[in-house]
């Protein structure tokens, strides 16, 4: 009798908590390294293991079959495909569930730290967040995240040092995960206030013309990147307003990341000089 692979699997369960959201994952023992990769590369180590978890917010089950795998979230089949694709979907699903359930406010943004303050540039996928983060890190900024600016109840940005998701190594769509250490960078360790918010996106022929926005206009720009604003708008507004109390908000299209990164730091240092 030719049994389906799912009937032969040896399962193990792993439970963890990240930003207050509890997960329990049931998976084949052969996929242990893939789960470890999600926790280290996909969450940047921002989790703690749970010995027991009787009431997870999210229960995950991965079932391997001959030639494919199934992904269940809270007993609902949400995706079927190759094992590589299933674990890619699982990683993004875990991050999405954290962003919608955590007490912190998650803003789709790249974030680095510079002299004790955060530089945050909100943006959706394919807008060049990672490339700009990498260039700023190469210039000495501390790495916080290339996907989310995570803001706590005190209005401070906390580290979320997932591996950098770099496109262009294989092709323009396929992402390759690399650690910030591979580009000679360091990771920020502590929550820090936002010093500068940059509303920008890449355009090949862009001219750098930074324009300062009011707090109200800047807040409207940032809200569109909050994940998700509609679930708890009062909390999101309160936390974002607090986070922007001492921040400058600048808007401009940008050209190449290597050039823009230097201009951003020049802008910050010029602002510091004016204060002094």
C-alpha atoms as a PDB file:
ATOM      1  CA  UNK A   1       0.000   0.000   0.000  1.00  0.00           C
ATOM      2  CA  UNK A   2       1.374   3.421  -1.013  1.00  0.00           C
ATOM      3  CA  UNK A   3       0.716   5.710   1.931  1.00  0.00           C
ATOM      4  CA  UNK A   4       0.574   9.458   1.414  1.00  0.00           C
ATOM      5  CA  UNK A   5       3.572  11.213   2.959  1.00  0.00           C
ATOM      6  CA  UNK A   6       1.290  13.041   5.408  1.00  0.00           C
ATOM      7  CA  UNK A   7       0.444   9.700   7.035  1.00  0.00           C
ATOM      8  CA  UNK A   8       4.121   8.908   7.634  1.00  0.00           C
ATOM      9  CA  UNK A   9       5.167  12.290   9.032  1.00  0.00           C
ATOM     10  CA  UNK A  10       6.663  12.625  12.498  1.00  0.00           C
ATOM     11  CA  UNK A  11       5.234  15.853  13.881  1.00  0.00           C
ATOM     12  CA  UNK A  12       6.632  18.201  16.465  1.00  0.00           C
ATOM     13  CA  UNK A  13       5.129  21.330  17.956  1.00  0.00           C
ATOM     14  CA  UNK A  14       6.804  24.617  18.774  1.00  0.00           C
ATOM     15  CA  UNK A  15       5.168  27.544  20.554  1.00  0.00           C
ATOM     16  CA  UNK A  16       6.449  31.080  20.840  1.00  0.00           C
ATOM     17  CA  UNK A  17       5.403  34.644  21.553  1.00  0.00           C
ATOM     18  CA  UNK A  18       6.356  37.745  19.568  1.00  0.00           C
ATOM     19  CA  UNK A  19       5.215  41.246  20.540  1.00  0.00           C
ATOM     20  CA  UNK A  20       2.581  39.679  22.779  1.00  0.00           C
ATOM     21  CA  UNK A  21       1.104  37.462  20.053  1.00  0.00           C
ATOM     22  CA  UNK A  22       1.194  33.715  20.766  1.00  0.00           C
ATOM     23  CA  UNK A  23       1.782  31.097  18.073  1.00  0.00           C
ATOM     24  CA  UNK A  24       1.786  27.321  18.102  1.00  0.00           C
ATOM     25  CA  UNK A  25       3.188  25.534  15.031  1.00  0.00           C
ATOM     26  CA  UNK A  26       2.740  21.858  14.224  1.00  0.00           C
ATOM     27  CA  UNK A  27       5.205  20.697  11.583  1.00  0.00           C
ATOM     28  CA  UNK A  28       7.233  17.769  10.328  1.00  0.00           C
ATOM     29  CA  UNK A  29      10.524  17.140  12.116  1.00  0.00           C
ATOM     30  CA  UNK A  30      12.298  17.391   8.766  1.00  0.00           C
ATOM     31  CA  UNK A  31      11.268  21.073   8.573  1.00  0.00           C
ATOM     32  CA  UNK A  32      12.815  22.167  11.867  1.00  0.00           C
ATOM     33  CA  UNK A  33      15.520  24.213  10.128  1.00  0.00           C
ATOM     34  CA  UNK A  34      12.873  26.046   8.096  1.00  0.00           C
ATOM     35  CA  UNK A  35      11.077  27.063  11.296  1.00  0.00           C
ATOM     36  CA  UNK A  36      14.373  28.246  12.783  1.00  0.00           C
ATOM     37  CA  UNK A  37      14.992  30.325   9.662  1.00  0.00           C
ATOM     38  CA  UNK A  38      11.635  32.070  10.061  1.00  0.00           C
ATOM     39  CA  UNK A  39      12.377  32.913  13.703  1.00  0.00           C
ATOM     40  CA  UNK A  40      15.893  34.219  13.056  1.00  0.00           C
ATOM     41  CA  UNK A  41      15.711  35.628   9.529  1.00  0.00           C
ATOM     42  CA  UNK A  42      12.032  36.531   9.355  1.00  0.00           C
ATOM     43  CA  UNK A  43      11.533  37.850  12.900  1.00  0.00           C
ATOM     44  CA  UNK A  44      15.065  38.961  13.643  1.00  0.00           C
ATOM     45  CA  UNK A  45      15.062  36.886  16.818  1.00  0.00           C
ATOM     46  CA  UNK A  46      12.213  38.984  18.275  1.00  0.00           C
ATOM     47  CA  UNK A  47      10.460  36.103  20.003  1.00  0.00           C
ATOM     48  CA  UNK A  48      10.546  33.994  23.126  1.00  0.00           C
ATOM     49  CA  UNK A  49       9.880  30.269  23.297  1.00  0.00           C
ATOM     50  CA  UNK A  50       6.909  29.022  25.314  1.00  0.00           C
ATOM     51  CA  UNK A  51       7.095  25.686  27.126  1.00  0.00           C
ATOM     52  CA  UNK A  52       3.348  25.272  26.817  1.00  0.00           C
ATOM     53  CA  UNK A  53       0.683  27.232  24.984  1.00  0.00           C
ATOM     54  CA  UNK A  54      -2.879  26.014  25.460  1.00  0.00           C
ATOM     55  CA  UNK A  55      -4.472  29.147  24.035  1.00  0.00           C
ATOM     56  CA  UNK A  56      -2.422  30.401  21.058  1.00  0.00           C
ATOM     57  CA  UNK A  57      -3.717  33.356  19.082  1.00  0.00           C
ATOM     58  CA  UNK A  58      -2.599  31.560  15.938  1.00  0.00           C
ATOM     59  CA  UNK A  59      -2.392  27.802  15.481  1.00  0.00           C
ATOM     60  CA  UNK A  60      -0.338  26.783  12.442  1.00  0.00           C
ATOM     61  CA  UNK A  61      -0.119  23.374  10.835  1.00  0.00           C
ATOM     62  CA  UNK A  62       2.082  22.422   7.882  1.00  0.00           C
ATOM     63  CA  UNK A  63       1.253  19.126   6.188  1.00  0.00           C
ATOM     64  CA  UNK A  64       3.694  17.733   3.636  1.00  0.00           C
ATOM     65  CA  UNK A  65       2.296  15.624   0.823  1.00  0.00           C
ATOM     66  CA  UNK A  66       3.891  14.005  -2.193  1.00  0.00           C
ATOM     67  CA  UNK A  67       5.227  16.906  -4.239  1.00  0.00           C
ATOM     68  CA  UNK A  68       3.488  19.665  -2.276  1.00  0.00           C
ATOM     69  CA  UNK A  69       2.594  21.000   1.169  1.00  0.00           C
ATOM     70  CA  UNK A  70      -0.522  22.481   2.782  1.00  0.00           C
ATOM     71  CA  UNK A  71      -0.577  25.423   5.188  1.00  0.00           C
ATOM     72  CA  UNK A  72      -3.384  25.638   7.744  1.00  0.00           C
ATOM     73  CA  UNK A  73      -4.022  28.665   9.965  1.00  0.00           C
ATOM     74  CA  UNK A  74      -6.457  28.011  12.820  1.00  0.00           C
ATOM     75  CA  UNK A  75      -7.537  24.826  11.004  1.00  0.00           C
ATOM     76  CA  UNK A  76      -8.320  26.660   7.755  1.00  0.00           C
ATOM     77  CA  UNK A  77      -6.377  25.747   4.624  1.00  0.00           C
ATOM     78  CA  UNK A  78      -4.931  29.011   3.330  1.00  0.00           C
ATOM     79  CA  UNK A  79      -2.252  27.871   0.879  1.00  0.00           C
ATOM     80  CA  UNK A  80      -1.016  24.819  -1.013  1.00  0.00           C
ATOM     81  CA  UNK A  81       2.167  24.656  -3.057  1.00  0.00           C
ATOM     82  CA  UNK A  82       5.812  23.732  -2.985  1.00  0.00           C
ATOM     83  CA  UNK A  83       7.432  23.480   0.411  1.00  0.00           C
ATOM     84  CA  UNK A  84       9.551  26.564  -0.340  1.00  0.00           C
ATOM     85  CA  UNK A  85       6.465  28.607  -1.217  1.00  0.00           C
ATOM     86  CA  UNK A  86       4.497  27.345   1.786  1.00  0.00           C
ATOM     87  CA  UNK A  87       7.182  28.413   4.252  1.00  0.00           C
ATOM     88  CA  UNK A  88       7.557  31.753   2.492  1.00  0.00           C
ATOM     89  CA  UNK A  89       3.812  32.324   2.901  1.00  0.00           C
ATOM     90  CA  UNK A  90       4.020  31.181   6.520  1.00  0.00           C
ATOM     91  CA  UNK A  91       6.777  33.695   7.265  1.00  0.00           C
ATOM     92  CA  UNK A  92       4.837  36.617   5.797  1.00  0.00           C
ATOM     93  CA  UNK A  93       1.637  35.413   7.509  1.00  0.00           C
ATOM     94  CA  UNK A  94       3.336  35.351  10.906  1.00  0.00           C
ATOM     95  CA  UNK A  95       4.611  38.904  10.450  1.00  0.00           C
ATOM     96  CA  UNK A  96       1.199  40.088   9.260  1.00  0.00           C
ATOM     97  CA  UNK A  97      -0.592  38.512  12.215  1.00  0.00           C
ATOM     98  CA  UNK A  98       1.863  40.107  14.634  1.00  0.00           C
ATOM     99  CA  UNK A  99       1.411  43.519  13.008  1.00  0.00           C
ATOM    100  CA  UNK A 100      -2.385  43.359  13.327  1.00  0.00           C
ATOM    101  CA  UNK A 101      -2.565  41.949  16.869  1.00  0.00           C
ATOM    102  CA  UNK A 102       0.329  43.552  18.768  1.00  0.00           C
ATOM    103  CA  UNK A 103      -0.053  46.457  21.193  1.00  0.00           C
ATOM    104  CA  UNK A 104       2.606  48.320  19.241  1.00  0.00           C
ATOM    105  CA  UNK A 105       1.807  50.223  16.051  1.00  0.00           C
ATOM    106  CA  UNK A 106       3.421  48.753  12.941  1.00  0.00           C
ATOM    107  CA  UNK A 107       4.235  51.099  10.056  1.00  0.00           C
ATOM    108  CA  UNK A 108       5.446  49.695   6.731  1.00  0.00           C
ATOM    109  CA  UNK A 109       8.802  51.458   6.695  1.00  0.00           C
ATOM    110  CA  UNK A 110      12.535  51.164   6.645  1.00  0.00           C
ATOM    111  CA  UNK A 111      14.184  52.340   9.876  1.00  0.00           C
ATOM    112  CA  UNK A 112      17.740  53.063  10.954  1.00  0.00           C
ATOM    113  CA  UNK A 113      19.188  54.738  14.007  1.00  0.00           C
ATOM    114  CA  UNK A 114      21.498  57.731  13.769  1.00  0.00           C
ATOM    115  CA  UNK A 115      23.075  59.283  16.872  1.00  0.00           C
ATOM    116  CA  UNK A 116      20.282  58.093  19.133  1.00  0.00           C
ATOM    117  CA  UNK A 117      17.351  58.982  16.885  1.00  0.00           C
ATOM    118  CA  UNK A 118      15.413  57.025  14.291  1.00  0.00           C
ATOM    119  CA  UNK A 119      15.226  57.834  10.605  1.00  0.00           C
ATOM    120  CA  UNK A 120      12.020  56.303   9.297  1.00  0.00           C
ATOM    121  CA  UNK A 121      10.916  56.197   5.668  1.00  0.00           C
ATOM    122  CA  UNK A 122       7.450  54.705   5.169  1.00  0.00           C
ATOM    123  CA  UNK A 123       6.806  52.813   1.963  1.00  0.00           C
ATOM    124  CA  UNK A 124       5.122  49.807   0.450  1.00  0.00           C
ATOM    125  CA  UNK A 125       6.897  46.917  -1.254  1.00  0.00           C
ATOM    126  CA  UNK A 126       9.000  47.653  -4.352  1.00  0.00           C
ATOM    127  CA  UNK A 127       9.548  51.289  -3.307  1.00  0.00           C
ATOM    128  CA  UNK A 128      13.221  50.865  -2.392  1.00  0.00           C
ATOM    129  CA  UNK A 129      13.117  50.700   1.421  1.00  0.00           C
ATOM    130  CA  UNK A 130      15.737  47.976   1.701  1.00  0.00           C
ATOM    131  CA  UNK A 131      18.219  49.606  -0.673  1.00  0.00           C
ATOM    132  CA  UNK A 132      18.038  52.882   1.252  1.00  0.00           C
ATOM    133  CA  UNK A 133      18.379  51.089   4.590  1.00  0.00           C
ATOM    134  CA  UNK A 134      21.474  49.281   3.315  1.00  0.00           C
ATOM    135  CA  UNK A 135      23.174  52.458   2.123  1.00  0.00           C
ATOM    136  CA  UNK A 136      22.501  54.259   5.412  1.00  0.00           C
ATOM    137  CA  UNK A 137      23.854  51.286   7.347  1.00  0.00           C
ATOM    138  CA  UNK A 138      26.986  51.324   5.190  1.00  0.00           C
ATOM    139  CA  UNK A 139      27.432  54.963   6.247  1.00  0.00           C
ATOM    140  CA  UNK A 140      27.325  54.016   9.920  1.00  0.00           C
ATOM    141  CA  UNK A 141      23.638  54.024  10.832  1.00  0.00           C
ATOM    142  CA  UNK A 142      22.317  51.250  13.076  1.00  0.00           C
ATOM    143  CA  UNK A 143      19.895  48.795  11.522  1.00  0.00           C
ATOM    144  CA  UNK A 144      16.365  48.620  12.953  1.00  0.00           C
ATOM    145  CA  UNK A 145      14.235  47.154  10.144  1.00  0.00           C
ATOM    146  CA  UNK A 146      13.683  47.117   6.389  1.00  0.00           C
ATOM    147  CA  UNK A 147       9.980  46.266   6.687  1.00  0.00           C
ATOM    148  CA  UNK A 148       8.330  47.736   9.787  1.00  0.00           C
ATOM    149  CA  UNK A 149       8.790  50.769  11.964  1.00  0.00           C
ATOM    150  CA  UNK A 150       7.430  49.329  15.212  1.00  0.00           C
ATOM    151  CA  UNK A 151       6.366  52.048  17.636  1.00  0.00           C
ATOM    152  CA  UNK A 152       5.614  51.276  21.272  1.00  0.00           C
ATOM    153  CA  UNK A 153       3.103  52.986  23.553  1.00  0.00           C
ATOM    154  CA  UNK A 154       5.731  55.552  24.574  1.00  0.00           C
ATOM    155  CA  UNK A 155       6.176  56.624  20.954  1.00  0.00           C
ATOM    156  CA  UNK A 156       9.624  55.033  20.597  1.00  0.00           C
ATOM    157  CA  UNK A 157      10.789  52.848  17.714  1.00  0.00           C
ATOM    158  CA  UNK A 158      11.869  49.365  18.784  1.00  0.00           C
ATOM    159  CA  UNK A 159      14.304  47.137  16.855  1.00  0.00           C
ATOM    160  CA  UNK A 160      12.944  44.536  14.438  1.00  0.00           C
ATOM    161  CA  UNK A 161      16.194  43.354  12.830  1.00  0.00           C
ATOM    162  CA  UNK A 162      14.887  40.734  10.413  1.00  0.00           C
ATOM    163  CA  UNK A 163      17.339  39.757   7.697  1.00  0.00           C
ATOM    164  CA  UNK A 164      17.441  42.243   4.841  1.00  0.00           C
ATOM    165  CA  UNK A 165      15.194  41.189   1.955  1.00  0.00           C
ATOM    166  CA  UNK A 166      17.325  42.066  -1.054  1.00  0.00           C
ATOM    167  CA  UNK A 167      16.064  41.982  -4.625  1.00  0.00           C
ATOM    168  CA  UNK A 168      18.259  42.101  -7.703  1.00  0.00           C
ATOM    169  CA  UNK A 169      20.706  39.359  -6.718  1.00  0.00           C
ATOM    170  CA  UNK A 170      18.708  36.676  -8.553  1.00  0.00           C
ATOM    171  CA  UNK A 171      16.166  38.886 -10.344  1.00  0.00           C
ATOM    172  CA  UNK A 172      14.065  41.985  -9.681  1.00  0.00           C
ATOM    173  CA  UNK A 173      11.348  40.072  -7.795  1.00  0.00           C
ATOM    174  CA  UNK A 174      13.043  37.190  -5.998  1.00  0.00           C
ATOM    175  CA  UNK A 175      14.201  38.153  -2.511  1.00  0.00           C
ATOM    176  CA  UNK A 176      17.413  36.930  -0.939  1.00  0.00           C
ATOM    177  CA  UNK A 177      17.775  37.182   2.847  1.00  0.00           C
ATOM    178  CA  UNK A 178      21.094  38.550   4.083  1.00  0.00           C
ATOM    179  CA  UNK A 179      22.145  39.563   7.571  1.00  0.00           C
ATOM    180  CA  UNK A 180      23.136  43.146   8.252  1.00  0.00           C
ATOM    181  CA  UNK A 181      26.533  41.835   9.377  1.00  0.00           C
ATOM    182  CA  UNK A 182      27.197  40.744   5.793  1.00  0.00           C
ATOM    183  CA  UNK A 183      27.294  44.407   4.744  1.00  0.00           C
ATOM    184  CA  UNK A 184      29.389  45.411   7.761  1.00  0.00           C
ATOM    185  CA  UNK A 185      26.479  46.865   9.708  1.00  0.00           C
ATOM    186  CA  UNK A 186      25.347  46.802  13.320  1.00  0.00           C
ATOM    187  CA  UNK A 187      21.909  46.320  14.850  1.00  0.00           C
ATOM    188  CA  UNK A 188      20.204  48.869  17.076  1.00  0.00           C
ATOM    189  CA  UNK A 189      19.517  47.484  20.542  1.00  0.00           C
ATOM    190  CA  UNK A 190      17.287  50.021  22.281  1.00  0.00           C
ATOM    191  CA  UNK A 191      14.005  51.869  21.651  1.00  0.00           C
ATOM    192  CA  UNK A 192      14.721  55.359  20.295  1.00  0.00           C
ATOM    193  CA  UNK A 193      12.677  58.468  19.418  1.00  0.00           C
ATOM    194  CA  UNK A 194      11.996  59.400  15.806  1.00  0.00           C
ATOM    195  CA  UNK A 195      14.178  62.269  14.643  1.00  0.00           C
ATOM    196  CA  UNK A 196      13.297  62.291  10.945  1.00  0.00           C
ATOM    197  CA  UNK A 197      10.480  60.876   8.839  1.00  0.00           C
ATOM    198  CA  UNK A 198      11.240  60.843   5.125  1.00  0.00           C
ATOM    199  CA  UNK A 199       8.319  60.434   2.730  1.00  0.00           C
ATOM    200  CA  UNK A 200      10.029  59.298  -0.447  1.00  0.00           C
ATOM    201  CA  UNK A 201      10.132  56.828  -3.277  1.00  0.00           C
ATOM    202  CA  UNK A 202      12.613  56.083  -6.009  1.00  0.00           C
ATOM    203  CA  UNK A 203      12.354  57.619  -9.471  1.00  0.00           C
ATOM    204  CA  UNK A 204      15.205  57.227 -11.960  1.00  0.00           C
ATOM    205  CA  UNK A 205      15.387  60.909 -12.910  1.00  0.00           C
ATOM    206  CA  UNK A 206      14.310  62.380  -9.577  1.00  0.00           C
ATOM    207  CA  UNK A 207      15.771  65.633  -8.279  1.00  0.00           C
ATOM    208  CA  UNK A 208      16.259  65.767  -4.516  1.00  0.00           C
ATOM    209  CA  UNK A 209      14.063  68.650  -3.295  1.00  0.00           C
ATOM    210  CA  UNK A 210      13.238  68.036   0.368  1.00  0.00           C
ATOM    211  CA  UNK A 211      10.148  69.887   1.551  1.00  0.00           C
ATOM    212  CA  UNK A 212       9.219  70.031   5.217  1.00  0.00           C
ATOM    213  CA  UNK A 213       5.667  68.955   6.032  1.00  0.00           C
ATOM    214  CA  UNK A 214       3.509  69.999   8.944  1.00  0.00           C
ATOM    215  CA  UNK A 215       2.814  67.403  11.612  1.00  0.00           C
ATOM    216  CA  UNK A 216      -0.784  67.107  10.359  1.00  0.00           C
ATOM    217  CA  UNK A 217       0.201  66.491   6.729  1.00  0.00           C
ATOM    218  CA  UNK A 218       2.981  64.163   7.773  1.00  0.00           C
ATOM    219  CA  UNK A 219       0.609  62.170   9.953  1.00  0.00           C
ATOM    220  CA  UNK A 220      -1.752  61.677   7.019  1.00  0.00           C
ATOM    221  CA  UNK A 221       1.133  60.377   4.905  1.00  0.00           C
ATOM    222  CA  UNK A 222       2.224  57.930   7.609  1.00  0.00           C
ATOM    223  CA  UNK A 223      -1.276  56.652   8.414  1.00  0.00           C
ATOM    224  CA  UNK A 224      -1.600  55.192   4.932  1.00  0.00           C
ATOM    225  CA  UNK A 225       1.317  52.896   5.782  1.00  0.00           C
ATOM    226  CA  UNK A 226       0.107  51.849   9.242  1.00  0.00           C
ATOM    227  CA  UNK A 227      -0.830  48.184   9.510  1.00  0.00           C
ATOM    228  CA  UNK A 228      -3.744  48.231   9.869  1.00  0.00           C
ATOM    229  CA  UNK A 229      -5.166  51.655  10.683  1.00  0.00           C
ATOM    230  CA  UNK A 230      -8.829  50.645  10.520  1.00  0.00           C
ATOM    231  CA  UNK A 231      -8.618  47.983  13.270  1.00  0.00           C
ATOM    232  CA  UNK A 232      -7.885  50.441  16.074  1.00  0.00           C
ATOM    233  CA  UNK A 233      -7.686  54.001  14.709  1.00  0.00           C
ATOM    234  CA  UNK A 234      -7.720  55.656  18.144  1.00  0.00           C
ATOM    235  CA  UNK A 235      -4.674  53.722  19.336  1.00  0.00           C
ATOM    236  CA  UNK A 236      -2.853  54.212  16.049  1.00  0.00           C
ATOM    237  CA  UNK A 237      -3.428  57.970  16.046  1.00  0.00           C
ATOM    238  CA  UNK A 238      -2.430  58.336  19.688  1.00  0.00           C
ATOM    239  CA  UNK A 239       0.814  56.408  19.277  1.00  0.00           C
ATOM    240  CA  UNK A 240       1.765  58.057  15.978  1.00  0.00           C
ATOM    241  CA  UNK A 241       1.096  61.557  17.307  1.00  0.00           C
ATOM    242  CA  UNK A 242       3.291  60.858  20.321  1.00  0.00           C
ATOM    243  CA  UNK A 243       6.050  59.429  18.123  1.00  0.00           C
ATOM    244  CA  UNK A 244       6.127  62.586  15.982  1.00  0.00           C
ATOM    245  CA  UNK A 245       6.343  65.090  18.844  1.00  0.00           C
ATOM    246  CA  UNK A 246       9.974  65.973  18.114  1.00  0.00           C
ATOM    247  CA  UNK A 247      10.348  64.654  14.562  1.00  0.00           C
ATOM    248  CA  UNK A 248      10.954  66.520  11.336  1.00  0.00           C
ATOM    249  CA  UNK A 249       8.897  65.271   8.405  1.00  0.00           C
ATOM    250  CA  UNK A 250      10.417  65.691   4.948  1.00  0.00           C
ATOM    251  CA  UNK A 251       9.045  64.766   1.534  1.00  0.00           C
ATOM    252  CA  UNK A 252      10.905  64.375  -1.752  1.00  0.00           C
ATOM    253  CA  UNK A 253      11.328  61.951  -4.605  1.00  0.00           C
ATOM    254  CA  UNK A 254      14.779  60.418  -4.688  1.00  0.00           C
ATOM    255  CA  UNK A 255      17.291  58.982  -7.097  1.00  0.00           C
ATOM    256  CA  UNK A 256      19.882  56.302  -6.351  1.00  0.00           C
ATOM    257  CA  UNK A 257      19.982  55.113  -2.744  1.00  0.00           C
ATOM    258  CA  UNK A 258      23.751  55.578  -2.400  1.00  0.00           C
ATOM    259  CA  UNK A 259      23.436  59.276  -3.249  1.00  0.00           C
ATOM    260  CA  UNK A 260      20.249  59.835  -1.260  1.00  0.00           C
ATOM    261  CA  UNK A 261      21.665  58.264   1.910  1.00  0.00           C
ATOM    262  CA  UNK A 262      24.440  60.861   2.029  1.00  0.00           C
ATOM    263  CA  UNK A 263      21.964  63.680   1.420  1.00  0.00           C
ATOM    264  CA  UNK A 264      19.750  62.437   4.258  1.00  0.00           C
ATOM    265  CA  UNK A 265      22.615  62.488   6.741  1.00  0.00           C
ATOM    266  CA  UNK A 266      23.690  65.920   5.503  1.00  0.00           C
ATOM    267  CA  UNK A 267      20.127  67.136   6.051  1.00  0.00           C
ATOM    268  CA  UNK A 268      20.104  65.792   9.600  1.00  0.00           C
ATOM    269  CA  UNK A 269      23.471  67.280  10.490  1.00  0.00           C
ATOM    270  CA  UNK A 270      22.451  70.645   9.035  1.00  0.00           C
ATOM    271  CA  UNK A 271      19.350  70.535  11.224  1.00  0.00           C
ATOM    272  CA  UNK A 272      21.439  69.775  14.287  1.00  0.00           C
ATOM    273  CA  UNK A 273      23.656  72.730  13.474  1.00  0.00           C
ATOM    274  CA  UNK A 274      20.654  75.053  13.278  1.00  0.00           C
ATOM    275  CA  UNK A 275      19.463  73.877  16.710  1.00  0.00           C
ATOM    276  CA  UNK A 276      22.878  74.578  18.180  1.00  0.00           C
END
